Amino acid sequence: MRTLHHFIDGKPVPGNGGRFGDVFNPALGEVAARVPFAQGAEVDRAVEAARRAFPEWAGTSPLRRARVLFKFKELLDRHADALAALITAEHGKVLSDARGSVTRGIEVVEFACGMPTLMMGNVVEDTARGIDSELIRVPLGVVVGICPFNFPAMIPLWMFPIALTAGNAFVLKPSERTPLSAVRFADLLTEAGLPAGVLNLVHGVKEAVDALLAHPAVKAVSFVGSAPVAQYIYQTAAAHGKRVQALAGAKNHLIVMPDADLERTVPAIISSAFGNAGERCLAGSVVVAVGDVADRFVPLLAAAAAKLHVGVGWDSATEMGPVIRPNHRRRILDFIERGTQEGAHLVCDGRAQVPRDETGFFVGATVFDHVRPEMTIAQEEIFGPVLGVIRVATLDEALQVVNRSRYGNMACIFTASGKAAREFRVRVEAGMLGINIGVAAPIAFFPFTGWKGSFYGDLHATGKDAVEFYTEKKVVTSRWF
C-alpha cells in the first residue's frame, strides 16, 4: 500500500498529523494508496517555505521563469500517456478523456509561457509637463490552489503555471480523492528546475483548507468545486483579506431547435452529458427541446445512451467509466429514483446497464423525458450521468427555462438558424456559450467565465483574467529635474 507524502520546500515530507484517507481505484472498488491529512502545523510549514522562496523567484526575470515552464511543458508532453493512465487509475475516466484533459492542461502551460508579454505594462509620457506615468505588473506573493477530484491534472494546470510564471510562490491542495497527479507534477517541476519552495503541496480536507484560507501570508486563493463549498471558500477567504476566485457548480442547459441537425446533435449531447461519467461542471444535464423536435430527438438520444459501453477506463472498448465513490453512486441513484417519483419518464435506465458482478462504482447513462422545470432533477446539480429532457413550444420559452436556473456556467443551442443563435447569444444568462457545440470549454487564452451561482469573485480562471488575478498593479508617476 503506497502512502503519499506532502511536498514542502523541494522535498517529500511524510504526514505527521495522524490522519489518513483512502485513495481508491473507482473501477475496481479497491484502495490504491493512503493520503495524509495535513494539520495546521504542516500547512504553516508549506506556506512558510513558499514565503521564503518568493522574493528570489519574484526577482527572477519573467523570461527565466518562463523557461522553467517550457521545460515543464516538454516533460508533460513526454509523460502525457503515463499521466493519462494515472488519471484513469485514480479517477476512473476512460483513457481518451484522461488524455484530453492532459492536453487541455498543457495548453494552459503554453499560454503561461508567454508571460513575458502578458505581464507587460503601459507607459504614457508627458501626462503633465515633464511628468511620465507608467503601469507595471508585479506578483502577489504566496497564492493557493484548492482543486476538485474530477480533473486531477487539468485544473491544477489552470492555476499554478500562470501563477508561477507571474512570479508568485504556490501552495497546491489537491483533492484528497485524486491526489496522485499532483504528486507527479511536483516531481516534474523539480526536474524542470523550479527552485525549492516555489511550489509546495499539502494534502488534506477541511482543516487544511481552513488553515490556508486564514493564513496571513496567503494573498490569493483559487478554488474549483461544488457550489456550497465555493461560497464558503469565497466568504471565508475574503473575510481574511484574500483575493478569491471560486468556480462553483452548474446545471447546464442544451437547447435543441426543430431545425437542428440531429445526426450531429445527438452524439454531441451524448458526449456532453456522459463524458467523464457526467462528473464535470460543463456537462450538459438538461436538454430543452423546442417544438416538435422532441418526438424525433428523444428516441435517438435514448438509443444512443443505451448503447454506451460502461466499464473500466483502460479498456479501449469502454465509453464511460465509474463515478468517484460508492456514496456518490448512491447519491446519483437517489436522484434517478427521485425523478421517477416526481413523474419524469425514464427512457433509458442506467441502473440496468451495469453487470451485477462489477465491484467498481458504476452507473450507466440515464435519460429522462417529460421533465418539468420545477423537478429536482431539473434544478439540482447531480454531477453524474443523468440527463433530463424538458419540452417547450418556443425559443422564448426555452430561454426562460434556462435563465430561471440559479446557475450560469454553460448553455448551448443546436440550430441551423443564425437568427435563433443570435437571439440565444444575446439573451441567455450564462458565461460560456456553445452554438452547435456540446461542451463550450474555452481555450486556454480565454477565461473560464461562469456566471451567477457558478462563480464567486471577479477575475476568472485562465486567460488574461488569470494574469490579472495573479498580479498586482503599480502606477508610477515620475518627474526628473
Protein backbone atom coordinates (compact mmCIF):
# COMPACT_ATOMS: atom_id res chain seq x y z
CA MET A 1 0.00 0.00 0.00
CA ARG A 2 1.58 3.27 -1.14
CA THR A 3 1.47 6.12 1.38
CA LEU A 4 1.70 9.58 -0.17
CA HIS A 5 3.73 12.49 1.20
CA HIS A 6 3.34 16.23 1.21
CA PHE A 7 5.88 18.18 -0.87
CA ILE A 8 7.40 21.11 1.03
CA ASP A 9 10.49 23.19 0.29
CA GLY A 10 11.57 20.97 -2.58
CA LYS A 11 11.29 17.55 -0.94
CA PRO A 12 8.73 14.93 0.10
CA VAL A 13 7.57 15.29 3.70
CA PRO A 14 5.71 12.45 5.48
CA GLY A 15 2.41 13.37 7.06
CA ASN A 16 2.60 13.58 10.83
CA GLY A 17 -0.95 14.60 11.62
CA GLY A 18 -2.01 11.04 12.33
CA ARG A 19 -5.00 11.09 9.95
CA PHE A 20 -5.08 9.45 6.53
CA GLY A 21 -7.63 8.93 3.78
CA ASP A 22 -8.06 6.20 1.20
CA VAL A 23 -7.36 6.79 -2.48
CA PHE A 24 -9.50 4.34 -4.47
CA ASN A 25 -9.30 2.89 -7.92
CA PRO A 26 -13.00 3.53 -8.65
CA ALA A 27 -13.18 0.97 -11.45
CA LEU A 28 -12.10 -1.84 -9.16
CA GLY A 29 -13.52 -0.56 -5.89
CA GLU A 30 -10.12 -1.08 -4.29
CA VAL A 31 -7.92 1.17 -2.17
CA ALA A 32 -4.78 2.05 -4.14
CA ALA A 33 -2.99 4.43 -1.75
CA ARG A 34 -3.21 6.32 1.51
CA VAL A 35 -3.09 10.11 1.62
CA PRO A 36 -2.12 12.09 4.75
CA PHE A 37 -4.41 14.83 6.02
CA ALA A 38 -2.37 17.90 6.93
CA GLN A 39 -2.96 19.79 10.13
CA GLY A 40 -2.28 23.45 10.79
CA ALA A 41 1.42 22.98 11.54
CA GLU A 42 2.06 21.27 8.21
CA VAL A 43 0.14 23.95 6.35
CA ASP A 44 2.19 26.61 8.16
CA ARG A 45 5.36 24.85 7.10
CA ALA A 46 4.30 24.80 3.43
CA VAL A 47 3.22 28.44 3.42
CA GLU A 48 6.41 29.50 5.19
CA ALA A 49 8.51 27.67 2.60
CA ALA A 50 6.64 29.50 -0.15
CA ARG A 51 7.03 32.82 1.65
CA ARG A 52 10.80 32.34 1.93
CA ALA A 53 11.15 31.31 -1.73
CA PHE A 54 9.01 34.14 -3.07
CA PRO A 55 11.44 37.12 -3.09
CA GLU A 56 14.13 35.41 -5.13
CA TRP A 57 11.62 33.84 -7.53
CA ALA A 58 9.79 37.16 -7.97
CA GLY A 59 13.15 38.78 -8.67
CA THR A 60 13.91 36.25 -11.41
CA SER A 61 13.20 37.68 -14.84
CA PRO A 62 9.91 36.62 -16.46
CA LEU A 63 11.92 35.16 -19.31
CA ARG A 64 13.83 32.82 -16.98
CA ARG A 65 10.63 31.86 -15.15
CA ALA A 66 9.04 31.02 -18.48
CA ARG A 67 12.00 28.83 -19.42
CA VAL A 68 11.32 26.64 -16.39
CA LEU A 69 7.72 26.24 -17.59
CA PHE A 70 8.91 25.49 -21.13
CA LYS A 71 10.94 22.62 -19.67
CA PHE A 72 7.94 21.53 -17.60
CA LYS A 73 5.80 21.55 -20.73
CA GLU A 74 8.38 19.38 -22.51
CA LEU A 75 8.21 16.90 -19.62
CA LEU A 76 4.40 16.90 -19.69
CA ASP A 77 4.45 16.08 -23.40
CA ARG A 78 6.94 13.29 -22.80
CA HIS A 79 4.93 11.76 -19.95
CA ALA A 80 1.42 12.52 -21.26
CA ASP A 81 0.40 8.88 -21.72
CA ALA A 82 1.65 7.92 -18.26
CA LEU A 83 -0.20 10.87 -16.74
CA ALA A 84 -3.39 9.83 -18.53
CA ALA A 85 -3.05 6.31 -17.15
CA LEU A 86 -2.53 7.73 -13.67
CA ILE A 87 -5.68 9.84 -14.01
CA THR A 88 -7.68 6.83 -15.17
CA ALA A 89 -6.43 4.83 -12.19
CA GLU A 90 -7.30 7.44 -9.56
CA HIS A 91 -10.46 8.90 -11.10
CA GLY A 92 -11.86 6.15 -13.33
CA LYS A 93 -12.42 8.16 -16.52
CA VAL A 94 -11.67 6.47 -19.82
CA LEU A 95 -8.20 6.95 -21.26
CA SER A 96 -9.40 9.16 -24.11
CA ASP A 97 -11.00 11.56 -21.60
CA ALA A 98 -7.85 11.46 -19.47
CA ARG A 99 -5.60 12.19 -22.45
CA GLY A 100 -7.86 15.05 -23.49
CA SER A 101 -7.71 16.60 -20.03
CA VAL A 102 -3.90 16.43 -20.04
CA THR A 103 -3.84 18.12 -23.43
CA ARG A 104 -6.10 20.92 -22.24
CA GLY A 105 -3.90 21.41 -19.20
CA ILE A 106 -0.77 21.59 -21.35
CA GLU A 107 -2.45 24.33 -23.39
CA VAL A 108 -2.56 26.47 -20.25
CA VAL A 109 1.15 25.85 -19.70
CA GLU A 110 1.76 27.01 -23.27
CA PHE A 111 -0.23 30.16 -22.55
CA ALA A 112 1.69 30.76 -19.32
CA CYS A 113 5.00 30.53 -21.19
CA GLY A 114 4.02 33.82 -22.85
CA MET A 115 4.16 35.63 -19.50
CA PRO A 116 7.00 38.00 -20.53
CA THR A 117 4.48 39.52 -22.94
CA LEU A 118 1.36 39.00 -20.82
CA MET A 119 2.85 40.92 -17.87
CA MET A 120 3.72 43.97 -19.93
CA GLY A 121 2.51 47.27 -18.52
CA ASN A 122 1.83 50.66 -20.10
CA VAL A 123 3.69 53.95 -20.29
CA VAL A 124 2.37 57.41 -21.12
CA GLU A 125 4.88 60.21 -21.44
CA ASP A 126 4.10 63.81 -20.53
CA THR A 127 0.86 63.22 -18.66
CA ALA A 128 1.73 66.71 -17.47
CA ARG A 129 4.72 68.84 -18.44
CA GLY A 130 7.84 66.79 -17.65
CA ILE A 131 5.83 64.08 -15.89
CA ASP A 132 5.58 60.48 -17.10
CA SER A 133 3.22 57.75 -15.90
CA GLU A 134 3.67 54.01 -16.16
CA LEU A 135 1.75 50.93 -15.06
CA ILE A 136 3.70 47.81 -14.11
CA ARG A 137 2.53 44.37 -13.00
CA VAL A 138 4.07 42.61 -10.01
CA PRO A 139 3.36 39.20 -8.41
CA LEU A 140 1.20 38.97 -5.30
CA GLY A 141 3.31 36.65 -3.13
CA VAL A 142 2.09 33.32 -1.78
CA VAL A 143 -1.04 32.07 -3.57
CA VAL A 144 -3.08 28.90 -3.05
CA GLY A 145 -4.91 26.45 -5.33
CA ILE A 146 -7.63 24.14 -3.96
CA CYS A 147 -8.69 21.58 -6.55
CA PRO A 148 -11.58 19.12 -7.12
CA PHE A 149 -11.46 15.41 -7.84
CA ASN A 150 -12.91 15.36 -11.35
CA PHE A 151 -9.92 16.76 -13.29
CA PRO A 152 -6.89 15.96 -11.12
CA ALA A 153 -4.38 17.11 -13.77
CA MET A 154 -6.16 19.75 -15.83
CA ILE A 155 -7.46 22.01 -13.07
CA PRO A 156 -4.17 22.33 -11.15
CA LEU A 157 -2.68 23.21 -14.55
CA TRP A 158 -5.23 26.02 -14.84
CA MET A 159 -3.69 27.53 -11.72
CA PHE A 160 -0.02 27.11 -10.87
CA PRO A 161 1.59 27.57 -14.33
CA ILE A 162 0.15 31.08 -14.68
CA ALA A 163 0.77 31.93 -11.02
CA LEU A 164 4.38 30.73 -11.14
CA THR A 165 5.37 32.44 -14.38
CA ALA A 166 3.84 35.65 -13.00
CA GLY A 167 6.38 35.37 -10.15
CA ASN A 168 4.28 34.00 -7.29
CA ALA A 169 5.04 31.12 -4.95
CA PHE A 170 2.32 28.47 -4.82
CA VAL A 171 0.74 26.06 -2.33
CA LEU A 172 -1.36 23.37 -4.00
CA LYS A 173 -4.04 21.43 -2.12
CA PRO A 174 -5.31 18.71 -4.49
CA SER A 175 -8.43 16.70 -3.89
CA GLU A 176 -7.84 14.04 -1.27
CA ARG A 177 -9.76 11.67 -3.57
CA THR A 178 -7.42 12.11 -6.57
CA PRO A 179 -4.01 13.34 -5.36
CA LEU A 180 -1.68 11.20 -7.47
CA SER A 181 -1.41 13.55 -10.46
CA ALA A 182 -0.48 16.49 -8.24
CA VAL A 183 2.31 14.48 -6.63
CA ARG A 184 3.66 13.72 -10.09
CA PHE A 185 3.54 17.42 -11.01
CA ALA A 186 5.77 18.24 -8.03
CA ASP A 187 8.33 15.72 -9.30
CA LEU A 188 8.23 17.07 -12.85
CA LEU A 189 8.54 20.70 -11.74
CA THR A 190 11.61 19.78 -9.71
CA GLU A 191 13.07 18.07 -12.78
CA ALA A 192 12.27 21.18 -14.82
CA GLY A 193 14.41 23.28 -12.48
CA LEU A 194 11.83 25.04 -10.32
CA PRO A 195 13.63 26.27 -7.16
CA ALA A 196 12.76 24.63 -3.86
CA GLY A 197 9.83 26.19 -2.05
CA VAL A 198 8.31 27.92 -5.08
CA LEU A 199 5.67 25.17 -5.35
CA ASN A 200 4.55 23.23 -2.27
CA LEU A 201 1.94 20.51 -1.97
CA VAL A 202 -0.18 19.68 1.06
CA HIS A 203 -2.89 17.05 1.21
CA GLY A 204 -5.93 17.21 3.42
CA VAL A 205 -9.54 18.08 3.98
CA LYS A 206 -11.36 20.92 5.72
CA GLU A 207 -8.76 21.50 8.46
CA ALA A 208 -6.02 22.05 5.89
CA VAL A 209 -8.27 24.24 3.74
CA ASP A 210 -9.30 26.42 6.67
CA ALA A 211 -5.65 26.87 7.68
CA LEU A 212 -4.83 28.04 4.15
CA LEU A 213 -7.80 30.41 3.98
CA ALA A 214 -6.85 32.08 7.26
CA HIS A 215 -3.07 32.17 6.89
CA PRO A 216 -1.83 35.79 6.96
CA ALA A 217 0.91 35.12 4.38
CA VAL A 218 -1.55 33.86 1.73
CA LYS A 219 -2.55 36.61 -0.68
CA ALA A 220 -4.95 34.84 -3.05
CA VAL A 221 -6.99 31.64 -3.30
CA SER A 222 -8.13 29.79 -6.44
CA PHE A 223 -10.81 27.14 -5.98
CA VAL A 224 -12.86 24.79 -8.15
CA GLY A 225 -15.59 22.63 -6.63
CA SER A 226 -19.23 22.39 -5.61
CA ALA A 227 -21.42 25.45 -5.15
CA PRO A 228 -21.81 25.26 -1.35
CA VAL A 229 -18.07 24.83 -0.82
CA ALA A 230 -17.25 27.58 -3.35
CA GLN A 231 -19.46 30.00 -1.44
CA TYR A 232 -17.77 29.02 1.82
CA ILE A 233 -14.30 29.41 0.31
CA TYR A 234 -15.15 32.81 -1.12
CA GLN A 235 -16.72 34.17 2.06
CA THR A 236 -14.05 32.78 4.39
CA ALA A 237 -11.03 33.77 2.33
CA ALA A 238 -12.43 37.22 1.54
CA ALA A 239 -13.13 37.79 5.24
CA HIS A 240 -9.41 37.22 5.80
CA GLY A 241 -8.49 39.77 3.16
CA LYS A 242 -7.65 37.37 0.33
CA ARG A 243 -8.23 37.80 -3.35
CA VAL A 244 -10.53 34.90 -4.38
CA GLN A 245 -11.74 33.15 -7.50
CA ALA A 246 -14.13 30.31 -6.66
CA LEU A 247 -15.53 28.27 -9.54
CA ALA A 248 -18.71 26.54 -8.44
CA GLY A 249 -21.46 24.17 -9.55
CA ALA A 250 -23.58 24.11 -12.67
CA LYS A 251 -26.82 22.99 -14.27
CA ASN A 252 -26.05 23.33 -17.95
CA HIS A 253 -28.89 23.53 -20.48
CA LEU A 254 -28.72 22.39 -24.11
CA ILE A 255 -31.44 23.89 -26.34
CA VAL A 256 -32.37 21.80 -29.38
CA MET A 257 -34.31 23.66 -32.07
CA PRO A 258 -36.61 21.98 -34.63
CA ASP A 259 -34.10 22.67 -37.41
CA ALA A 260 -31.15 21.10 -35.58
CA ASP A 261 -29.05 18.53 -37.46
CA LEU A 262 -29.94 15.57 -35.25
CA GLU A 263 -27.36 13.29 -36.82
CA ARG A 264 -24.68 15.56 -35.35
CA THR A 265 -26.60 16.90 -32.37
CA VAL A 266 -27.24 13.54 -30.70
CA PRO A 267 -23.56 12.50 -30.49
CA ALA A 268 -22.61 15.98 -29.27
CA ILE A 269 -25.16 15.81 -26.47
CA ILE A 270 -24.23 12.23 -25.56
CA SER A 271 -20.61 13.32 -25.21
CA SER A 272 -21.60 16.41 -23.21
CA ALA A 273 -23.87 14.56 -20.78
CA PHE A 274 -21.98 11.30 -20.32
CA GLY A 275 -18.33 12.11 -20.98
CA ASN A 276 -16.31 11.85 -17.77
CA ALA A 277 -19.38 10.00 -16.36
CA GLY A 278 -21.11 13.38 -16.10
CA GLU A 279 -18.65 14.47 -13.40
CA ARG A 280 -17.72 17.85 -14.84
CA CYS A 281 -19.01 21.37 -14.45
CA LEU A 282 -19.51 21.71 -18.20
CA ALA A 283 -21.62 18.54 -18.52
CA GLY A 284 -24.93 19.03 -20.27
CA SER A 285 -27.56 17.94 -17.80
CA VAL A 286 -30.84 19.36 -19.17
CA VAL A 287 -31.98 19.32 -22.82
CA VAL A 288 -34.64 21.89 -23.66
CA ALA A 289 -36.37 20.56 -26.79
CA VAL A 290 -38.28 23.19 -28.77
CA GLY A 291 -41.45 22.49 -30.76
CA ASP A 292 -41.89 19.04 -32.28
CA VAL A 293 -38.20 18.12 -32.27
CA ALA A 294 -38.51 16.04 -29.09
CA ASP A 295 -40.61 13.36 -30.82
CA ARG A 296 -37.77 12.77 -33.28
CA PHE A 297 -34.89 13.54 -30.95
CA VAL A 298 -35.64 11.65 -27.72
CA PRO A 299 -35.78 8.11 -29.24
CA LEU A 300 -32.41 8.73 -30.93
CA LEU A 301 -30.95 10.07 -27.69
CA ALA A 302 -32.23 7.18 -25.59
CA ALA A 303 -30.96 4.60 -28.07
CA ALA A 304 -27.50 6.19 -28.19
CA ALA A 305 -27.31 6.36 -24.39
CA ALA A 306 -28.33 2.72 -24.02
CA LYS A 307 -25.50 1.65 -26.37
CA LEU A 308 -22.75 3.28 -24.31
CA HIS A 309 -20.37 0.64 -23.00
CA VAL A 310 -19.75 1.11 -19.28
CA GLY A 311 -16.60 -0.40 -17.83
CA VAL A 312 -13.02 0.09 -16.70
CA GLY A 313 -11.33 3.13 -18.16
CA TRP A 314 -8.22 1.35 -19.51
CA ASP A 315 -10.32 -0.92 -21.77
CA SER A 316 -10.41 0.60 -25.28
CA ALA A 317 -14.00 -0.63 -25.71
CA THR A 318 -15.20 1.39 -22.70
CA GLU A 319 -17.07 4.61 -23.43
CA MET A 320 -17.93 5.59 -19.86
CA GLY A 321 -16.13 4.75 -16.64
CA PRO A 322 -17.25 4.67 -13.00
CA VAL A 323 -18.12 7.56 -10.73
CA ILE A 324 -15.71 8.55 -8.00
CA ARG A 325 -17.02 6.87 -4.80
CA PRO A 326 -19.76 4.49 -3.63
CA ASN A 327 -21.50 7.27 -1.68
CA HIS A 328 -21.58 9.42 -4.82
CA ARG A 329 -23.03 6.48 -6.74
CA ARG A 330 -25.77 6.17 -4.12
CA ARG A 331 -26.46 9.90 -4.43
CA ILE A 332 -26.90 9.60 -8.21
CA LEU A 333 -29.18 6.57 -7.82
CA ASP A 334 -31.27 8.57 -5.33
CA PHE A 335 -31.69 11.31 -7.95
CA ILE A 336 -32.83 8.74 -10.51
CA GLU A 337 -35.39 7.40 -8.07
CA ARG A 338 -36.50 10.95 -7.23
CA GLY A 339 -37.01 11.67 -10.93
CA THR A 340 -39.32 8.69 -11.37
CA GLN A 341 -41.26 9.58 -8.20
CA GLU A 342 -41.80 13.14 -9.43
CA GLY A 343 -43.28 11.90 -12.71
CA ALA A 344 -40.49 12.15 -15.28
CA HIS A 345 -40.45 9.40 -17.93
CA LEU A 346 -37.38 7.18 -17.63
CA VAL A 347 -36.50 6.32 -21.25
CA CYS A 348 -33.00 4.96 -20.55
CA ASP A 349 -32.32 3.47 -17.13
CA GLY A 350 -28.61 3.47 -16.33
CA ARG A 351 -29.18 1.27 -13.32
CA ALA A 352 -29.83 -1.65 -15.66
CA GLN A 353 -26.66 -1.20 -17.71
CA VAL A 354 -24.14 -2.31 -15.07
CA PRO A 355 -23.41 -6.04 -14.56
CA ARG A 356 -24.22 -7.23 -11.06
CA ASP A 357 -20.75 -8.70 -10.56
CA GLU A 358 -18.98 -5.35 -11.01
CA THR A 359 -17.10 -4.22 -7.90
CA GLY A 360 -16.44 -0.70 -9.15
CA PHE A 361 -18.61 2.38 -8.64
CA PHE A 362 -20.60 2.26 -11.87
CA VAL A 363 -23.80 3.96 -13.01
CA GLY A 364 -24.97 3.74 -16.62
CA ALA A 365 -26.19 6.58 -18.82
CA THR A 366 -29.68 7.66 -17.76
CA VAL A 367 -32.18 9.74 -19.77
CA PHE A 368 -35.48 11.20 -18.58
CA ASP A 369 -38.16 12.67 -20.86
CA HIS A 370 -41.08 14.95 -19.95
CA VAL A 371 -39.12 16.58 -17.17
CA ARG A 372 -40.74 19.68 -15.73
CA PRO A 373 -38.61 22.71 -14.78
CA GLU A 374 -39.65 22.51 -11.13
CA MET A 375 -38.50 18.90 -10.71
CA THR A 376 -35.47 18.16 -8.55
CA ILE A 377 -33.55 16.57 -11.43
CA ALA A 378 -34.07 19.77 -13.45
CA GLN A 379 -32.76 22.07 -10.72
CA GLU A 380 -30.06 20.31 -8.68
CA GLU A 381 -26.54 19.56 -9.83
CA ILE A 382 -26.38 15.75 -9.96
CA PHE A 383 -22.76 15.52 -11.14
CA GLY A 384 -23.32 12.18 -12.75
CA PRO A 385 -24.57 10.53 -15.96
CA VAL A 386 -28.20 11.70 -15.73
CA LEU A 387 -29.81 13.81 -18.49
CA GLY A 388 -33.32 15.25 -18.46
CA VAL A 389 -35.39 16.50 -21.40
CA ILE A 390 -37.79 19.42 -20.94
CA ARG A 391 -40.28 20.07 -23.77
CA VAL A 392 -41.24 23.65 -24.66
CA ALA A 393 -43.09 25.31 -27.54
CA THR A 394 -40.78 28.20 -28.46
CA LEU A 395 -37.24 29.51 -28.17
CA ASP A 396 -38.54 32.28 -25.92
CA GLU A 397 -39.92 29.68 -23.52
CA ALA A 398 -36.65 27.73 -23.70
CA LEU A 399 -34.65 30.82 -22.74
CA GLN A 400 -36.97 31.44 -19.82
CA VAL A 401 -36.30 27.89 -18.58
CA VAL A 402 -32.54 28.34 -18.89
CA ASN A 403 -32.48 31.78 -17.26
CA ARG A 404 -34.54 30.69 -14.25
CA SER A 405 -31.65 28.47 -13.13
CA ARG A 406 -29.60 29.78 -10.22
CA TYR A 407 -26.52 28.60 -12.11
CA GLY A 408 -24.97 30.16 -15.18
CA ASN A 409 -21.92 28.16 -16.16
CA MET A 410 -22.68 27.00 -19.71
CA ALA A 411 -25.57 26.95 -22.15
CA CYS A 412 -25.66 25.63 -25.72
CA ILE A 413 -28.02 25.75 -28.67
CA PHE A 414 -28.28 23.38 -31.62
CA THR A 415 -29.80 25.05 -34.67
CA ALA A 416 -29.32 25.88 -38.35
CA SER A 417 -30.77 29.36 -37.83
CA GLY A 418 -28.43 32.31 -37.42
CA LYS A 419 -31.36 34.34 -36.11
CA ALA A 420 -32.08 31.81 -33.34
CA ALA A 421 -28.40 31.51 -32.49
CA ARG A 422 -28.04 35.27 -32.22
CA GLU A 423 -31.13 35.62 -30.03
CA PHE A 424 -29.74 32.86 -27.80
CA ARG A 425 -26.32 34.53 -27.58
CA VAL A 426 -27.83 37.90 -26.63
CA ARG A 427 -30.47 36.75 -24.16
CA VAL A 428 -29.11 33.69 -22.39
CA GLU A 429 -27.74 34.18 -18.86
CA ALA A 430 -24.62 32.03 -18.81
CA GLY A 431 -20.93 32.77 -19.16
CA MET A 432 -19.82 30.04 -21.61
CA LEU A 433 -21.96 29.52 -24.69
CA GLY A 434 -21.96 26.86 -27.37
CA ILE A 435 -23.57 27.05 -30.78
CA ASN A 436 -23.82 23.55 -32.22
CA ILE A 437 -21.20 22.53 -29.64
CA GLY A 438 -21.98 20.32 -26.64
CA VAL A 439 -19.11 21.31 -24.34
CA ALA A 440 -18.32 25.01 -24.66
CA ALA A 441 -14.96 24.85 -22.87
CA PRO A 442 -12.88 27.97 -23.59
CA ILE A 443 -9.40 27.52 -24.99
CA ALA A 444 -6.56 28.42 -22.61
CA PHE A 445 -6.18 32.05 -23.65
CA PHE A 446 -9.84 32.81 -22.88
CA PRO A 447 -11.24 32.94 -19.32
CA PHE A 448 -13.50 30.25 -17.83
CA THR A 449 -16.44 32.59 -17.39
CA GLY A 450 -19.12 31.11 -15.16
CA TRP A 451 -21.98 33.41 -14.11
CA LYS A 452 -24.48 33.61 -11.27
CA GLY A 453 -24.18 30.79 -8.72
CA SER A 454 -21.48 29.11 -10.80
CA PHE A 455 -18.78 31.60 -9.81
CA TYR A 456 -17.76 33.71 -6.83
CA GLY A 457 -15.30 36.51 -7.42
CA ASP A 458 -14.41 38.99 -10.14
CA LEU A 459 -11.50 37.57 -12.15
CA HIS A 460 -11.97 34.13 -13.67
CA ALA A 461 -9.54 31.26 -14.20
CA THR A 462 -7.31 31.01 -17.29
CA GLY A 463 -6.70 33.58 -19.99
CA LYS A 464 -5.93 37.22 -19.29
CA ASP A 465 -8.27 37.16 -16.28
CA ALA A 466 -5.84 34.76 -14.60
CA VAL A 467 -2.89 37.04 -15.35
CA GLU A 468 -4.85 39.87 -13.72
CA PHE A 469 -5.75 37.65 -10.78
CA TYR A 470 -2.17 36.58 -10.03
CA THR A 471 -0.64 40.05 -10.39
CA GLU A 472 -0.97 43.42 -8.73
CA LYS A 473 -0.60 46.78 -10.46
CA LYS A 474 1.69 49.63 -9.60
CA VAL A 475 1.29 53.04 -11.23
CA VAL A 476 4.44 55.17 -11.12
CA THR A 477 4.28 58.92 -11.72
CA SER A 478 7.73 60.46 -12.16
CA ARG A 479 9.40 63.81 -12.75
CA TRP A 480 13.16 64.32 -13.17
CA PHE A 481 14.86 67.65 -12.55
